[in-house]
C-alpha atoms as a PDB file:
ATOM      1  CA  MET A   1      10.811  61.977 101.052  1.00  0.00           C
ATOM      2  CA  GLN A   2      13.255  62.586 103.853  1.00  0.00           C
ATOM      3  CA  GLN A   3      13.643  58.451 104.364  1.00  0.00           C
ATOM      4  CA  ARG A   4      14.838  57.827 100.390  1.00  0.00           C
ATOM      5  CA  ILE A   5      16.619  61.126 100.775  1.00  0.00           C
ATOM      6  CA  GLN A   6      18.676  59.657 103.523  1.00  0.00           C
ATOM      7  CA  GLU A   7      18.773  56.019 102.337  1.00  0.00           C
ATOM      8  CA  PHE A   8      20.457  57.910  98.930  1.00  0.00           C
ATOM      9  CA  VAL A   9      22.972  59.947 100.999  1.00  0.00           C
ATOM     10  CA  ILE A  10      23.881  56.683 103.197  1.00  0.00           C
ATOM     11  CA  ALA A  11      24.240  54.938 100.047  1.00  0.00           C
ATOM     12  CA  ALA A  12      26.355  57.771  98.535  1.00  0.00           C
ATOM     13  CA  LEU A  13      28.901  57.949 101.242  1.00  0.00           C
ATOM     14  CA  ALA A  14      29.216  54.018 101.245  1.00  0.00           C
ATOM     15  CA  GLU A  15      30.379  54.538  97.597  1.00  0.00           C
ATOM     16  CA  MET A  16      32.824  57.121  98.377  1.00  0.00           C
ATOM     17  CA  ASN A  17      34.256  54.510 101.115  1.00  0.00           C
ATOM     18  CA  TYR A  18      32.504  55.811 104.225  1.00  0.00           C
ATOM     19  CA  ASP A  19      31.854  53.253 106.895  1.00  0.00           C
ATOM     20  CA  THR A  20      28.380  53.670 107.213  1.00  0.00           C
ATOM     21  CA  ASP A  21      27.453  50.758 109.603  1.00  0.00           C
ATOM     22  CA  GLU A  22      26.529  52.390 112.531  1.00  0.00           C
ATOM     23  CA  VAL A  23      25.105  55.885 110.927  1.00  0.00           C
ATOM     24  CA  THR A  24      22.192  57.371 112.271  1.00  0.00           C
ATOM     25  CA  GLY A  25      20.185  60.027 111.515  1.00  0.00           C
ATOM     26  CA  ASP A  26      21.841  61.616 115.063  1.00  0.00           C
ATOM     27  CA  THR A  27      25.435  60.975 112.875  1.00  0.00           C
ATOM     28  CA  ASP A  28      27.586  64.272 112.541  1.00  0.00           C
ATOM     29  CA  LEU A  29      28.346  65.061 108.933  1.00  0.00           C
ATOM     30  CA  GLY A  30      31.428  66.598 110.228  1.00  0.00           C
ATOM     31  CA  PRO A  31      34.403  66.071 112.627  1.00  0.00           C
ATOM     32  CA  ALA A  32      32.240  64.427 115.621  1.00  0.00           C
ATOM     33  CA  GLY A  33      30.956  61.998 113.129  1.00  0.00           C
ATOM     34  CA  LEU A  34      31.318  60.932 109.653  1.00  0.00           C
ATOM     35  CA  ASP A  35      34.016  63.111 109.831  1.00  0.00           C
ATOM     36  CA  LEU A  36      33.582  64.358 105.821  1.00  0.00           C
ATOM     37  CA  GLU A  37      36.386  66.790 104.625  1.00  0.00           C
ATOM     38  CA  SER A  38      35.296  69.669 102.472  1.00  0.00           C
ATOM     39  CA  LEU A  39      35.987  67.953  99.386  1.00  0.00           C
ATOM     40  CA  ALA A  40      33.871  64.946 100.653  1.00  0.00           C
ATOM     41  CA  LEU A  41      30.635  67.591 101.207  1.00  0.00           C
ATOM     42  CA  ALA A  42      30.833  69.157  98.203  1.00  0.00           C
ATOM     43  CA  GLU A  43      31.193  65.200  96.051  1.00  0.00           C
ATOM     44  CA  LEU A  44      28.253  64.983  98.310  1.00  0.00           C
ATOM     45  CA  SER A  45      26.498  67.857  97.473  1.00  0.00           C
ATOM     46  CA  VAL A  46      26.961  67.549  93.679  1.00  0.00           C
ATOM     47  CA  GLN A  47      25.583  63.821  94.334  1.00  0.00           C
ATOM     48  CA  VAL A  48      22.399  65.304  95.618  1.00  0.00           C
ATOM     49  CA  GLU A  49      22.305  67.870  93.228  1.00  0.00           C
ATOM     50  CA  ASP A  50      21.682  66.061  90.459  1.00  0.00           C
ATOM     51  CA  GLU A  51      19.378  63.313  92.162  1.00  0.00           C
ATOM     52  CA  TYR A  52      16.796  66.056  93.363  1.00  0.00           C
ATOM     53  CA  GLY A  53      17.332  68.733  91.135  1.00  0.00           C
ATOM     54  CA  ILE A  54      18.118  71.396  94.136  1.00  0.00           C
ATOM     55  CA  LYS A  55      21.810  73.565  94.292  1.00  0.00           C
ATOM     56  CA  PHE A  56      23.875  74.091  97.493  1.00  0.00           C
ATOM     57  CA  GLU A  57      25.721  77.238  97.492  1.00  0.00           C
ATOM     58  CA  VAL A  58      29.789  77.224  97.779  1.00  0.00           C
ATOM     59  CA  GLU A  59      28.837  78.705 101.378  1.00  0.00           C
ATOM     60  CA  GLU A  60      26.858  76.332 102.552  1.00  0.00           C
ATOM     61  CA  MET A  61      29.289  73.956 102.806  1.00  0.00           C
ATOM     62  CA  GLU A  62      30.953  75.046 106.673  1.00  0.00           C
ATOM     63  CA  SER A  63      27.305  74.757 107.709  1.00  0.00           C
ATOM     64  CA  THR A  64      26.540  71.329 106.073  1.00  0.00           C
ATOM     65  CA  ALA A  65      29.360  70.542 107.969  1.00  0.00           C
ATOM     66  CA  LEU A  66      28.159  71.226 111.430  1.00  0.00           C
ATOM     67  CA  MET A  67      24.482  69.356 110.310  1.00  0.00           C
ATOM     68  CA  THR A  68      23.619  65.767 111.651  1.00  0.00           C
ATOM     69  CA  LEU A  69      22.567  63.264 108.889  1.00  0.00           C
ATOM     70  CA  ASP A  70      18.527  64.116 109.996  1.00  0.00           C
ATOM     71  CA  GLN A  71      19.309  67.698 109.826  1.00  0.00           C
ATOM     72  CA  PHE A  72      20.989  67.226 106.359  1.00  0.00           C
ATOM     73  CA  THR A  73      18.192  64.836 104.884  1.00  0.00           C
ATOM     74  CA  ALA A  74      15.819  67.629 106.223  1.00  0.00           C
ATOM     75  CA  ASP A  75      17.348  70.398 104.329  1.00  0.00           C
ATOM     76  CA  VAL A  76      17.474  68.633 100.994  1.00  0.00           C
ATOM     77  CA  ALA A  77      13.527  67.928 101.457  1.00  0.00           C
ATOM     78  CA  ARG A  78      13.292  71.278 102.052  1.00  0.00           C
ATOM     79  CA  ARG A  79      14.671  72.181  99.103  1.00  0.00           C
ATOM     80  CA  VAL A  80      12.716  69.614  97.226  1.00  0.00           C
ATOM     81  CA  ALA A  81       9.638  70.642  98.309  1.00  0.00           C
ATOM     82  CA  ALA A  82      10.391  74.900  97.832  1.00  0.00           C
ATOM     83  CA  ASN A  83      11.828  73.230  94.191  1.00  0.00           C
ATOM     84  CA  SER A  84       8.331  71.712  93.377  1.00  0.00           C
ATOM     85  CA  ALA A  85       6.232  74.240  95.047  1.00  0.00           C
ATOM     86  CA  ALA A  86       8.623  76.990  92.650  1.00  0.00           C
ATOM     87  CA  ALA A  87       7.625  74.615  89.497  1.00  0.00           C
ATOM     88  CA  THR A  88       4.191  74.146  89.658  1.00  0.00           C
ATOM     89  CA  ALA A  89       3.387  78.056  90.744  1.00  0.00           C
ATOM     90  CA  GLY A  90       5.466  78.528  87.674  1.00  0.00           C
ATOM     91  CA  THR A  91       2.986  76.047  85.148  1.00  0.00           C
ATOM     92  CA  ALA A  92       0.072  77.721  86.785  1.00  0.00           C
ATOM     93  CA  ALA A  93       1.190  81.624  85.877  1.00  0.00           C
END
């Protein structure tokens, strides 16, 4: 799942005109790596939310900028799994 999310994120970044040729899981999303500005982080977050049915809070954007691609995609995968578990628990009740 995390690999698919990573591929989606890299494709989204490429569509946003970021150079993704040398992006790896260790690449920082913020100033030390891709240097995503807050608007770009917000746009990326919205695309991920729409694709995977999860939600980020505005307050999380600052911490997201400090993550590597692997950390971000792991966080997304964790949220997707939590949503799935909650949905399953909701239908079982």
